[in-house]
Amino acid sequence: MAHSKSALKRVRQNESRRFRNRSIRSAVKTGYKKVLTSIESNNKDEIQENYRKFVSLLDRAVKKNVFHKNFAARKKSNLSKKINTILK
Protein backbone atom coordinates (compact mmCIF):
# COMPACT_ATOMS: atom_id res chain seq x y z
CA MET A 1 0.00 0.00 0.00
CA ALA A 2 1.10 3.56 -0.69
CA HIS A 3 2.70 5.48 2.15
CA SER A 4 3.24 9.03 0.94
CA LYS A 5 0.49 11.62 0.71
CA SER A 6 0.86 12.01 -3.04
CA ALA A 7 0.76 8.25 -3.61
CA LEU A 8 -2.45 7.97 -1.58
CA LYS A 9 -3.99 10.77 -3.63
CA ARG A 10 -2.95 9.00 -6.83
CA VAL A 11 -4.69 5.83 -5.62
CA ARG A 12 -7.90 7.81 -4.99
CA GLN A 13 -7.70 9.46 -8.41
CA ASN A 14 -7.11 6.16 -10.19
CA GLU A 15 -10.09 4.61 -8.43
CA SER A 16 -12.48 7.37 -9.45
CA ARG A 17 -11.16 7.37 -13.03
CA ARG A 18 -11.56 3.60 -13.23
CA PHE A 19 -15.24 3.85 -12.35
CA ARG A 20 -15.78 6.72 -14.79
CA ASN A 21 -14.02 4.85 -17.60
CA ARG A 22 -16.00 1.70 -16.87
CA SER A 23 -19.32 3.49 -17.23
CA ILE A 24 -18.19 5.15 -20.47
CA ARG A 25 -17.02 1.79 -21.87
CA SER A 26 -20.32 0.21 -20.94
CA ALA A 27 -22.30 2.96 -22.66
CA VAL A 28 -20.25 2.56 -25.85
CA LYS A 29 -20.74 -1.22 -25.85
CA THR A 30 -24.48 -0.77 -25.35
CA GLY A 31 -24.61 1.71 -28.23
CA TYR A 32 -22.75 -0.74 -30.47
CA LYS A 33 -25.20 -3.53 -29.61
CA LYS A 34 -28.16 -1.24 -30.34
CA VAL A 35 -26.77 -0.51 -33.79
CA LEU A 36 -26.29 -4.22 -34.47
CA THR A 37 -29.83 -5.10 -33.38
CA SER A 38 -31.27 -2.32 -35.53
CA ILE A 39 -29.24 -3.64 -38.48
CA GLU A 40 -30.79 -7.07 -37.93
CA SER A 41 -34.28 -5.55 -37.84
CA ASN A 42 -33.65 -3.64 -41.13
CA ASN A 43 -35.30 -0.47 -39.82
CA LYS A 44 -33.43 2.22 -41.77
CA ASP A 45 -34.47 5.19 -39.63
CA GLU A 46 -33.57 3.33 -36.45
CA ILE A 47 -30.20 2.27 -37.92
CA GLN A 48 -29.24 5.82 -38.80
CA GLU A 49 -30.34 7.21 -35.43
CA ASN A 50 -28.56 4.54 -33.40
CA TYR A 51 -25.40 4.85 -35.52
CA ARG A 52 -25.36 8.62 -35.02
CA LYS A 53 -25.70 8.20 -31.24
CA PHE A 54 -23.02 5.48 -31.20
CA VAL A 55 -20.52 7.64 -33.10
CA SER A 56 -21.15 10.50 -30.69
CA LEU A 57 -20.57 8.25 -27.66
CA LEU A 58 -17.44 6.78 -29.20
CA ASP A 59 -15.97 10.16 -30.11
CA ARG A 60 -16.55 11.45 -26.60
CA ALA A 61 -14.87 8.35 -25.16
CA VAL A 62 -11.86 8.88 -27.42
CA LYS A 63 -11.70 12.51 -26.37
CA LYS A 64 -11.51 11.39 -22.72
CA ASN A 65 -8.80 8.81 -23.58
CA VAL A 66 -10.97 5.83 -22.69
CA PHE A 67 -10.41 4.31 -26.15
CA HIS A 68 -7.65 4.75 -28.71
CA LYS A 69 -8.57 6.77 -31.79
CA ASN A 70 -7.74 3.87 -34.12
CA PHE A 71 -10.11 1.60 -32.20
CA ALA A 72 -12.89 4.13 -32.72
CA ALA A 73 -12.06 4.53 -36.40
CA ARG A 74 -12.13 0.76 -36.89
CA LYS A 75 -15.50 0.36 -35.13
CA LYS A 76 -17.07 3.21 -37.12
CA SER A 77 -15.67 1.87 -40.39
CA ASN A 78 -16.89 -1.68 -39.82
CA LEU A 79 -20.37 -0.55 -38.84
CA SER A 80 -20.66 1.88 -41.73
CA LYS A 81 -19.76 -0.92 -44.16
CA LYS A 82 -22.55 -3.08 -42.73
CA ILE A 83 -25.00 -0.18 -42.81
CA ASN A 84 -24.16 0.80 -46.38
CA THR A 85 -24.87 -2.71 -47.65
CA ILE A 86 -28.35 -2.52 -46.10
CA LEU A 87 -29.21 1.04 -47.09
CA LYS A 88 -28.37 0.51 -50.75
PDB file of N, CA and C in Angstrom:
ATOM      1  N   MET A   1       0.839  -1.188   0.000  1.00  0.00           N
ATOM      2  CA  MET A   1       0.000   0.000   0.000  1.00  0.00           C
ATOM      3  C   MET A   1       0.878   1.243   0.000  1.00  0.00           C
ATOM      4  N   ALA A   2       0.356   2.307  -0.584  1.00  0.00           N
ATOM      5  CA  ALA A   2       1.105   3.556  -0.690  1.00  0.00           C
ATOM      6  C   ALA A   2       1.278   4.191   0.692  1.00  0.00           C
ATOM      7  N   HIS A   3       2.410   4.864   0.859  1.00  0.00           N
ATOM      8  CA  HIS A   3       2.700   5.481   2.149  1.00  0.00           C
ATOM      9  C   HIS A   3       2.694   7.000   2.088  1.00  0.00           C
ATOM     10  N   SER A   4       3.155   7.576   1.007  1.00  0.00           N
ATOM     11  CA  SER A   4       3.236   9.033   0.940  1.00  0.00           C
ATOM     12  C   SER A   4       1.867   9.630   0.627  1.00  0.00           C
ATOM     13  N   LYS A   5       1.748  10.910   0.940  1.00  0.00           N
ATOM     14  CA  LYS A   5       0.491  11.616   0.713  1.00  0.00           C
ATOM     15  C   LYS A   5       0.127  11.645  -0.765  1.00  0.00           C
ATOM     16  N   SER A   6       1.126  11.909  -1.599  1.00  0.00           N
ATOM     17  CA  SER A   6       0.863  12.013  -3.038  1.00  0.00           C
ATOM     18  C   SER A   6       0.483  10.656  -3.630  1.00  0.00           C
ATOM     19  N   ALA A   7       1.085   9.587  -3.118  1.00  0.00           N
ATOM     20  CA  ALA A   7       0.755   8.255  -3.609  1.00  0.00           C
ATOM     21  C   ALA A   7      -0.663   7.867  -3.211  1.00  0.00           C
ATOM     22  N   LEU A   8      -1.085   8.252  -2.013  1.00  0.00           N
ATOM     23  CA  LEU A   8      -2.452   7.973  -1.579  1.00  0.00           C
ATOM     24  C   LEU A   8      -3.457   8.735  -2.435  1.00  0.00           C
ATOM     25  N   LYS A   9      -3.115   9.980  -2.764  1.00  0.00           N
ATOM     26  CA  LYS A   9      -3.994  10.767  -3.635  1.00  0.00           C
ATOM     27  C   LYS A   9      -4.084  10.130  -5.014  1.00  0.00           C
ATOM     28  N   ARG A  10      -2.967   9.653  -5.526  1.00  0.00           N
ATOM     29  CA  ARG A  10      -2.946   8.997  -6.834  1.00  0.00           C
ATOM     30  C   ARG A  10      -3.841   7.764  -6.830  1.00  0.00           C
ATOM     31  N   VAL A  11      -3.834   7.008  -5.736  1.00  0.00           N
ATOM     32  CA  VAL A  11      -4.691   5.829  -5.617  1.00  0.00           C
ATOM     33  C   VAL A  11      -6.161   6.241  -5.683  1.00  0.00           C
ATOM     34  N   ARG A  12      -6.508   7.323  -4.969  1.00  0.00           N
ATOM     35  CA  ARG A  12      -7.900   7.809  -4.994  1.00  0.00           C
ATOM     36  C   ARG A  12      -8.301   8.271  -6.393  1.00  0.00           C
ATOM     37  N   GLN A  13      -7.399   8.969  -7.060  1.00  0.00           N
ATOM     38  CA  GLN A  13      -7.700   9.455  -8.406  1.00  0.00           C
ATOM     39  C   GLN A  13      -7.891   8.293  -9.379  1.00  0.00           C
ATOM     40  N   ASN A  14      -7.007   7.312  -9.290  1.00  0.00           N
ATOM     41  CA  ASN A  14      -7.109   6.159 -10.185  1.00  0.00           C
ATOM     42  C   ASN A  14      -8.417   5.409  -9.979  1.00  0.00           C
ATOM     43  N   GLU A  15      -8.837   5.304  -8.734  1.00  0.00           N
ATOM     44  CA  GLU A  15     -10.086   4.611  -8.427  1.00  0.00           C
ATOM     45  C   GLU A  15     -11.282   5.322  -9.061  1.00  0.00           C
ATOM     46  N   SER A  16     -11.341   6.645  -8.897  1.00  0.00           N
ATOM     47  CA  SER A  16     -12.477   7.374  -9.453  1.00  0.00           C
ATOM     48  C   SER A  16     -12.446   7.348 -10.976  1.00  0.00           C
ATOM     49  N   ARG A  17     -11.265   7.434 -11.568  1.00  0.00           N
ATOM     50  CA  ARG A  17     -11.157   7.373 -13.030  1.00  0.00           C
ATOM     51  C   ARG A  17     -11.543   6.002 -13.559  1.00  0.00           C
ATOM     52  N   ARG A  18     -11.205   4.956 -12.804  1.00  0.00           N
ATOM     53  CA  ARG A  18     -11.556   3.603 -13.230  1.00  0.00           C
ATOM     54  C   ARG A  18     -13.067   3.440 -13.311  1.00  0.00           C
ATOM     55  N   PHE A  19     -13.782   3.949 -12.317  1.00  0.00           N
ATOM     56  CA  PHE A  19     -15.242   3.847 -12.348  1.00  0.00           C
ATOM     57  C   PHE A  19     -15.830   4.676 -13.482  1.00  0.00           C
ATOM     58  N   ARG A  20     -15.288   5.868 -13.708  1.00  0.00           N
ATOM     59  CA  ARG A  20     -15.782   6.717 -14.792  1.00  0.00           C
ATOM     60  C   ARG A  20     -15.540   6.049 -16.140  1.00  0.00           C
ATOM     61  N   ASN A  21     -14.346   5.516 -16.338  1.00  0.00           N
ATOM     62  CA  ASN A  21     -14.018   4.855 -17.599  1.00  0.00           C
ATOM     63  C   ASN A  21     -14.890   3.628 -17.823  1.00  0.00           C
ATOM     64  N   ARG A  22     -15.181   2.911 -16.741  1.00  0.00           N
ATOM     65  CA  ARG A  22     -15.998   1.704 -16.873  1.00  0.00           C
ATOM     66  C   ARG A  22     -17.407   2.048 -17.341  1.00  0.00           C
ATOM     67  N   SER A  23     -17.969   3.124 -16.814  1.00  0.00           N
ATOM     68  CA  SER A  23     -19.322   3.493 -17.232  1.00  0.00           C
ATOM     69  C   SER A  23     -19.331   3.979 -18.685  1.00  0.00           C
ATOM     70  N   ILE A  24     -18.277   4.680 -19.085  1.00  0.00           N
ATOM     71  CA  ILE A  24     -18.195   5.147 -20.469  1.00  0.00           C
ATOM     72  C   ILE A  24     -18.057   3.962 -21.415  1.00  0.00           C
ATOM     73  N   ARG A  25     -17.190   3.005 -21.056  1.00  0.00           N
ATOM     74  CA  ARG A  25     -17.021   1.792 -21.870  1.00  0.00           C
ATOM     75  C   ARG A  25     -18.331   1.037 -22.018  1.00  0.00           C
ATOM     76  N   SER A  26     -19.048   0.922 -20.924  1.00  0.00           N
ATOM     77  CA  SER A  26     -20.322   0.207 -20.937  1.00  0.00           C
ATOM     78  C   SER A  26     -21.322   0.901 -21.861  1.00  0.00           C
ATOM     79  N   ALA A  27     -21.374   2.212 -21.812  1.00  0.00           N
ATOM     80  CA  ALA A  27     -22.302   2.962 -22.664  1.00  0.00           C
ATOM     81  C   ALA A  27     -21.958   2.769 -24.137  1.00  0.00           C
ATOM     82  N   VAL A  28     -20.669   2.746 -24.455  1.00  0.00           N
ATOM     83  CA  VAL A  28     -20.250   2.559 -25.846  1.00  0.00           C
ATOM     84  C   VAL A  28     -20.617   1.153 -26.320  1.00  0.00           C
ATOM     85  N   LYS A  29     -20.388   0.157 -25.479  1.00  0.00           N
ATOM     86  CA  LYS A  29     -20.738  -1.216 -25.849  1.00  0.00           C
ATOM     87  C   LYS A  29     -22.246  -1.361 -26.067  1.00  0.00           C
ATOM     88  N   THR A  30     -23.031  -0.724 -25.209  1.00  0.00           N
ATOM     89  CA  THR A  30     -24.483  -0.773 -25.352  1.00  0.00           C
ATOM     90  C   THR A  30     -24.917  -0.110 -26.661  1.00  0.00           C
ATOM     91  N   GLY A  31     -24.300   1.021 -26.972  1.00  0.00           N
ATOM     92  CA  GLY A  31     -24.610   1.706 -28.229  1.00  0.00           C
ATOM     93  C   GLY A  31     -24.283   0.846 -29.432  1.00  0.00           C
ATOM     94  N   TYR A  32     -23.159   0.148 -29.375  1.00  0.00           N
ATOM     95  CA  TYR A  32     -22.750  -0.744 -30.465  1.00  0.00           C
ATOM     96  C   TYR A  32     -23.772  -1.865 -30.654  1.00  0.00           C
ATOM     97  N   LYS A  33     -24.214  -2.445 -29.534  1.00  0.00           N
ATOM     98  CA  LYS A  33     -25.196  -3.528 -29.610  1.00  0.00           C
ATOM     99  C   LYS A  33     -26.530  -3.036 -30.161  1.00  0.00           C
ATOM    100  N   LYS A  34     -26.907  -1.794 -29.814  1.00  0.00           N
ATOM    101  CA  LYS A  34     -28.156  -1.237 -30.342  1.00  0.00           C
ATOM    102  C   LYS A  34     -28.088  -1.074 -31.852  1.00  0.00           C
ATOM    103  N   VAL A  35     -26.932  -0.658 -32.346  1.00  0.00           N
ATOM    104  CA  VAL A  35     -26.769  -0.515 -33.795  1.00  0.00           C
ATOM    105  C   VAL A  35     -26.880  -1.885 -34.455  1.00  0.00           C
ATOM    106  N   LEU A  36     -26.246  -2.885 -33.883  1.00  0.00           N
ATOM    107  CA  LEU A  36     -26.289  -4.224 -34.469  1.00  0.00           C
ATOM    108  C   LEU A  36     -27.709  -4.787 -34.484  1.00  0.00           C
ATOM    109  N   THR A  37     -28.461  -4.591 -33.404  1.00  0.00           N
ATOM    110  CA  THR A  37     -29.834  -5.098 -33.378  1.00  0.00           C
ATOM    111  C   THR A  37     -30.722  -4.350 -34.367  1.00  0.00           C
ATOM    112  N   SER A  38     -30.472  -3.062 -34.545  1.00  0.00           N
ATOM    113  CA  SER A  38     -31.269  -2.317 -35.528  1.00  0.00           C
ATOM    114  C   SER A  38     -30.893  -2.728 -36.955  1.00  0.00           C
ATOM    115  N   ILE A  39     -29.641  -3.131 -37.166  1.00  0.00           N
ATOM    116  CA  ILE A  39     -29.236  -3.644 -38.482  1.00  0.00           C
ATOM    117  C   ILE A  39     -29.969  -4.949 -38.773  1.00  0.00           C
ATOM    118  N   GLU A  40     -30.091  -5.796 -37.753  1.00  0.00           N
ATOM    119  CA  GLU A  40     -30.794  -7.071 -37.932  1.00  0.00           C
ATOM    120  C   GLU A  40     -32.279  -6.859 -38.212  1.00  0.00           C
ATOM    121  N   SER A  41     -32.859  -5.802 -37.631  1.00  0.00           N
ATOM    122  CA  SER A  41     -34.281  -5.554 -37.838  1.00  0.00           C
ATOM    123  C   SER A  41     -34.582  -4.839 -39.153  1.00  0.00           C
ATOM    124  N   ASN A  42     -33.531  -4.331 -39.840  1.00  0.00           N
ATOM    125  CA  ASN A  42     -33.654  -3.644 -41.129  1.00  0.00           C
ATOM    126  C   ASN A  42     -34.515  -2.387 -41.082  1.00  0.00           C
ATOM    127  N   ASN A  43     -34.580  -1.740 -39.941  1.00  0.00           N
ATOM    128  CA  ASN A  43     -35.302  -0.472 -39.824  1.00  0.00           C
ATOM    129  C   ASN A  43     -34.316   0.657 -40.114  1.00  0.00           C
ATOM    130  N   LYS A  44     -34.429   1.266 -41.295  1.00  0.00           N
ATOM    131  CA  LYS A  44     -33.425   2.222 -41.768  1.00  0.00           C
ATOM    132  C   LYS A  44     -33.340   3.471 -40.895  1.00  0.00           C
ATOM    133  N   ASP A  45     -34.488   3.983 -40.474  1.00  0.00           N
ATOM    134  CA  ASP A  45     -34.470   5.189 -39.626  1.00  0.00           C
ATOM    135  C   ASP A  45     -33.804   4.888 -38.285  1.00  0.00           C
ATOM    136  N   GLU A  46     -34.140   3.736 -37.725  1.00  0.00           N
ATOM    137  CA  GLU A  46     -33.565   3.327 -36.447  1.00  0.00           C
ATOM    138  C   GLU A  46     -32.061   3.092 -36.570  1.00  0.00           C
ATOM    139  N   ILE A  47     -31.628   2.514 -37.681  1.00  0.00           N
ATOM    140  CA  ILE A  47     -30.203   2.266 -37.917  1.00  0.00           C
ATOM    141  C   ILE A  47     -29.446   3.587 -37.924  1.00  0.00           C
ATOM    142  N   GLN A  48     -29.939   4.543 -38.682  1.00  0.00           N
ATOM    143  CA  GLN A  48     -29.242   5.823 -38.796  1.00  0.00           C
ATOM    144  C   GLN A  48     -29.197   6.567 -37.466  1.00  0.00           C
ATOM    145  N   GLU A  49     -30.289   6.527 -36.722  1.00  0.00           N
ATOM    146  CA  GLU A  49     -30.342   7.213 -35.429  1.00  0.00           C
ATOM    147  C   GLU A  49     -29.392   6.570 -34.420  1.00  0.00           C
ATOM    148  N   ASN A  50     -29.428   5.237 -34.345  1.00  0.00           N
ATOM    149  CA  ASN A  50     -28.557   4.537 -33.400  1.00  0.00           C
ATOM    150  C   ASN A  50     -27.087   4.686 -33.777  1.00  0.00           C
ATOM    151  N   TYR A  51     -26.791   4.677 -35.073  1.00  0.00           N
ATOM    152  CA  TYR A  51     -25.402   4.847 -35.518  1.00  0.00           C
ATOM    153  C   TYR A  51     -24.902   6.249 -35.172  1.00  0.00           C
ATOM    154  N   ARG A  52     -25.735   7.255 -35.350  1.00  0.00           N
ATOM    155  CA  ARG A  52     -25.355   8.622 -35.021  1.00  0.00           C
ATOM    156  C   ARG A  52     -25.059   8.757 -33.523  1.00  0.00           C
ATOM    157  N   LYS A  53     -25.913   8.153 -32.689  1.00  0.00           N
ATOM    158  CA  LYS A  53     -25.698   8.201 -31.240  1.00  0.00           C
ATOM    159  C   LYS A  53     -24.429   7.440 -30.847  1.00  0.00           C
ATOM    160  N   PHE A  54     -24.210   6.289 -31.499  1.00  0.00           N
ATOM    161  CA  PHE A  54     -23.022   5.483 -31.198  1.00  0.00           C
ATOM    162  C   PHE A  54     -21.746   6.231 -31.538  1.00  0.00           C
ATOM    163  N   VAL A  55     -21.710   6.883 -32.690  1.00  0.00           N
ATOM    164  CA  VAL A  55     -20.519   7.637 -33.102  1.00  0.00           C
ATOM    165  C   VAL A  55     -20.251   8.771 -32.114  1.00  0.00           C
ATOM    166  N   SER A  56     -21.310   9.420 -31.662  1.00  0.00           N
ATOM    167  CA  SER A  56     -21.155  10.497 -30.693  1.00  0.00           C
ATOM    168  C   SER A  56     -20.558   9.971 -29.385  1.00  0.00           C
ATOM    169  N   LEU A  57     -21.093   8.860 -28.888  1.00  0.00           N
ATOM    170  CA  LEU A  57     -20.569   8.248 -27.662  1.00  0.00           C
ATOM    171  C   LEU A  57     -19.104   7.856 -27.828  1.00  0.00           C
ATOM    172  N   LEU A  58     -18.798   7.252 -28.954  1.00  0.00           N
ATOM    173  CA  LEU A  58     -17.444   6.776 -29.204  1.00  0.00           C
ATOM    174  C   LEU A  58     -16.465   7.936 -29.304  1.00  0.00           C
ATOM    175  N   ASP A  59     -16.853   9.000 -29.987  1.00  0.00           N
ATOM    176  CA  ASP A  59     -15.969  10.157 -30.115  1.00  0.00           C
ATOM    177  C   ASP A  59     -15.710  10.826 -28.768  1.00  0.00           C
ATOM    178  N   ARG A  60     -16.737  10.884 -27.931  1.00  0.00           N
ATOM    179  CA  ARG A  60     -16.545  11.452 -26.597  1.00  0.00           C
ATOM    180  C   ARG A  60     -15.622  10.582 -25.756  1.00  0.00           C
ATOM    181  N   ALA A  61     -15.751   9.256 -25.902  1.00  0.00           N
ATOM    182  CA  ALA A  61     -14.874   8.346 -25.158  1.00  0.00           C
ATOM    183  C   ALA A  61     -13.425   8.491 -25.611  1.00  0.00           C
ATOM    184  N   VAL A  62     -13.219   8.684 -26.902  1.00  0.00           N
ATOM    185  CA  VAL A  62     -11.857   8.879 -27.418  1.00  0.00           C
ATOM    186  C   VAL A  62     -11.298  10.200 -26.900  1.00  0.00           C
ATOM    187  N   LYS A  63     -12.129  11.209 -26.861  1.00  0.00           N
ATOM    188  CA  LYS A  63     -11.698  12.514 -26.372  1.00  0.00           C
ATOM    189  C   LYS A  63     -11.242  12.441 -24.910  1.00  0.00           C
ATOM    190  N   LYS A  64     -11.864  11.558 -24.136  1.00  0.00           N
ATOM    191  CA  LYS A  64     -11.515  11.388 -22.724  1.00  0.00           C
ATOM    192  C   LYS A  64     -10.457  10.303 -22.514  1.00  0.00           C
ATOM    193  N   ASN A  65      -9.867   9.827 -23.604  1.00  0.00           N
ATOM    194  CA  ASN A  65      -8.803   8.814 -23.575  1.00  0.00           C
ATOM    195  C   ASN A  65      -9.237   7.482 -22.966  1.00  0.00           C
ATOM    196  N   VAL A  66     -10.506   7.136 -23.132  1.00  0.00           N
ATOM    197  CA  VAL A  66     -10.970   5.826 -22.693  1.00  0.00           C
ATOM    198  C   VAL A  66     -10.629   4.792 -23.754  1.00  0.00           C
ATOM    199  N   PHE A  67     -10.764   5.170 -25.032  1.00  0.00           N
ATOM    200  CA  PHE A  67     -10.415   4.309 -26.153  1.00  0.00           C
ATOM    201  C   PHE A  67      -9.369   4.993 -27.013  1.00  0.00           C
ATOM    202  N   HIS A  68      -8.629   4.204 -27.761  1.00  0.00           N
ATOM    203  CA  HIS A  68      -7.654   4.745 -28.709  1.00  0.00           C
ATOM    204  C   HIS A  68      -8.402   5.200 -29.954  1.00  0.00           C
ATOM    205  N   LYS A  69      -7.875   6.209 -30.624  1.00  0.00           N
ATOM    206  CA  LYS A  69      -8.570   6.765 -31.792  1.00  0.00           C
ATOM    207  C   LYS A  69      -8.664   5.755 -32.927  1.00  0.00           C
ATOM    208  N   ASN A  70      -7.682   4.869 -33.065  1.00  0.00           N
ATOM    209  CA  ASN A  70      -7.740   3.868 -34.124  1.00  0.00           C
ATOM    210  C   ASN A  70      -8.816   2.824 -33.842  1.00  0.00           C
ATOM    211  N   PHE A  71      -9.037   2.519 -32.578  1.00  0.00           N
ATOM    212  CA  PHE A  71     -10.110   1.601 -32.201  1.00  0.00           C
ATOM    213  C   PHE A  71     -11.452   2.179 -32.633  1.00  0.00           C
ATOM    214  N   ALA A  72     -11.633   3.470 -32.354  1.00  0.00           N
ATOM    215  CA  ALA A  72     -12.889   4.133 -32.720  1.00  0.00           C
ATOM    216  C   ALA A  72     -13.060   4.172 -34.225  1.00  0.00           C
ATOM    217  N   ALA A  73     -11.987   4.469 -34.937  1.00  0.00           N
ATOM    218  CA  ALA A  73     -12.064   4.531 -36.397  1.00  0.00           C
ATOM    219  C   ALA A  73     -12.425   3.163 -36.975  1.00  0.00           C
ATOM    220  N   ARG A  74     -11.854   2.119 -36.406  1.00  0.00           N
ATOM    221  CA  ARG A  74     -12.128   0.756 -36.886  1.00  0.00           C
ATOM    222  C   ARG A  74     -13.581   0.379 -36.638  1.00  0.00           C
ATOM    223  N   LYS A  75     -14.101   0.687 -35.450  1.00  0.00           N
ATOM    224  CA  LYS A  75     -15.499   0.364 -35.128  1.00  0.00           C
ATOM    225  C   LYS A  75     -16.456   1.116 -36.054  1.00  0.00           C
ATOM    226  N   LYS A  76     -16.191   2.408 -36.257  1.00  0.00           N
ATOM    227  CA  LYS A  76     -17.071   3.208 -37.120  1.00  0.00           C
ATOM    228  C   LYS A  76     -17.018   2.710 -38.560  1.00  0.00           C
ATOM    229  N   SER A  77     -15.829   2.341 -39.017  1.00  0.00           N
ATOM    230  CA  SER A  77     -15.672   1.875 -40.388  1.00  0.00           C
ATOM    231  C   SER A  77     -16.413   0.555 -40.601  1.00  0.00           C
ATOM    232  N   ASN A  78     -16.223  -0.377 -39.679  1.00  0.00           N
ATOM    233  CA  ASN A  78     -16.887  -1.678 -39.820  1.00  0.00           C
ATOM    234  C   ASN A  78     -18.401  -1.553 -39.798  1.00  0.00           C
ATOM    235  N   LEU A  79     -18.916  -0.726 -38.903  1.00  0.00           N
ATOM    236  CA  LEU A  79     -20.366  -0.548 -38.840  1.00  0.00           C
ATOM    237  C   LEU A  79     -20.893   0.161 -40.075  1.00  0.00           C
ATOM    238  N   SER A  80     -20.167   1.156 -40.558  1.00  0.00           N
ATOM    239  CA  SER A  80     -20.658   1.884 -41.730  1.00  0.00           C
ATOM    240  C   SER A  80     -20.678   0.983 -42.963  1.00  0.00           C
ATOM    241  N   LYS A  81     -19.732   0.050 -43.054  1.00  0.00           N
ATOM    242  CA  LYS A  81     -19.759  -0.915 -44.162  1.00  0.00           C
ATOM    243  C   LYS A  81     -21.016  -1.772 -44.101  1.00  0.00           C
ATOM    244  N   LYS A  82     -21.339  -2.264 -42.893  1.00  0.00           N
ATOM    245  CA  LYS A  82     -22.546  -3.078 -42.730  1.00  0.00           C
ATOM    246  C   LYS A  82     -23.792  -2.266 -43.050  1.00  0.00           C
ATOM    247  N   ILE A  83     -23.825  -1.042 -42.602  1.00  0.00           N
ATOM    248  CA  ILE A  83     -25.004  -0.182 -42.806  1.00  0.00           C
ATOM    249  C   ILE A  83     -25.168   0.153 -44.283  1.00  0.00           C
ATOM    250  N   ASN A  84     -24.076   0.437 -44.967  1.00  0.00           N
ATOM    251  CA  ASN A  84     -24.159   0.804 -46.379  1.00  0.00           C
ATOM    252  C   ASN A  84     -24.649  -0.343 -47.249  1.00  0.00           C
ATOM    253  N   THR A  85     -24.354  -1.579 -46.877  1.00  0.00           N
ATOM    254  CA  THR A  85     -24.875  -2.708 -47.647  1.00  0.00           C
ATOM    255  C   THR A  85     -26.391  -2.814 -47.501  1.00  0.00           C
ATOM    256  N   ILE A  86     -26.907  -2.446 -46.342  1.00  0.00           N
ATOM    257  CA  ILE A  86     -28.350  -2.521 -46.101  1.00  0.00           C
ATOM    258  C   ILE A  86     -29.082  -1.355 -46.735  1.00  0.00           C
ATOM    259  N   LEU A  87     -28.515  -0.159 -46.624  1.00  0.00           N
ATOM    260  CA  LEU A  87     -29.205   1.043 -47.093  1.00  0.00           C
ATOM    261  C   LEU A  87     -29.227   1.158 -48.607  1.00  0.00           C
ATOM    262  N   LYS A  88     -28.385   0.429 -49.297  1.00  0.00           N
ATOM    263  CA  LYS A  88     -28.375   0.513 -50.754  1.00  0.00           C
ATOM    264  C   LYS A  88     -29.522  -0.230 -51.378  1.00  0.00           C
TER     265      LYS A  88
END
